[in-house]
Amino acid sequence: MPAATLKSWLKTFLENRGLYVRKIGGLARGADLFIDLARLGFSTDGVVFDVGAHKGETAALFKEVWPSATVFSFEPVAENHRALSRRVQGLTGVRCFHAALGASAGTATIHLGSDSQTHRIDGNPDGAGGSSRTESVAVTTLDAIVAAERVSRIPLLKIDAEGYEIPILEGARRTFEAGLVDWIFVEATLDPGDILHTPLATLQTALGAHGFHLVALYDQMIWNNPLRMAYANALFRRAEPR
């Protein structure tokens, strides 16, 4: 069978089974975070920050893709933190912090949603008539962690905080000023009616003040009625030093 015919047959065979294959080199930006970072010279030297670690899904993925990486995972909700600790048990280089990051150290009230991924400090996660359960959580700042742990570089700062991203960034001012963060991967909304996530434009303004630029969007969530893009994960890169 000629190579071209074999290629066409294999493509059809896989597509009929719900699979799509293409060359990695042909993937557009925004299709795969890890492929994009590798193309752009990403290095795991330093500490990868996983803020809003949930039950350890992202930390485990980071270690699968980057086995030598050091990961600091932050999860404030007790039940989620216990699951996080169990998930990463046995993984070298992962540290779990039972705390939220914010603009200043102290405590905060987190509203517990019906879904463990929707707990949020800034308001009730389910809106009017939603869950009324709350939990008091410890809050520290990214600047404080960097100083206490003597972190010299953060190659990637991942944030998934259900609308609490700006206070987290405010608590990282000294770290940004020192130029310690290379990349930021953060959840953002593009829907003006979405009150549960931080608007992309707000993040662009806040991060732009520290020299970061939007590179690509990933994991786009589409909502219906009307059909629209709701939110996505945004990748930002610090501008090269002048």
Foldseek 3Di string as FASTA:
>chain_A
DDPVVVVVVVQVVQVVVVDHDDDLVPDDPQEDPVSVCVVVPFDQPFEAEAALCFQQPVVVVCCVSVVVHAYEYEHQDPVRQVNNCVVCVPRPRYHYDNAHEFLAWDKAKWACFPDSSQIARPDHSVPPPTGPDIDITTYHAPVVVCVVVVTQAHAEYEHEHFARVVRNLNSCVVVLVVVRYFKYKYKAFCDPPDPRGHHPVVVCVSVVVSQKDWDYWYDWDWDVPPTDTTMTIIMIGHDDDD
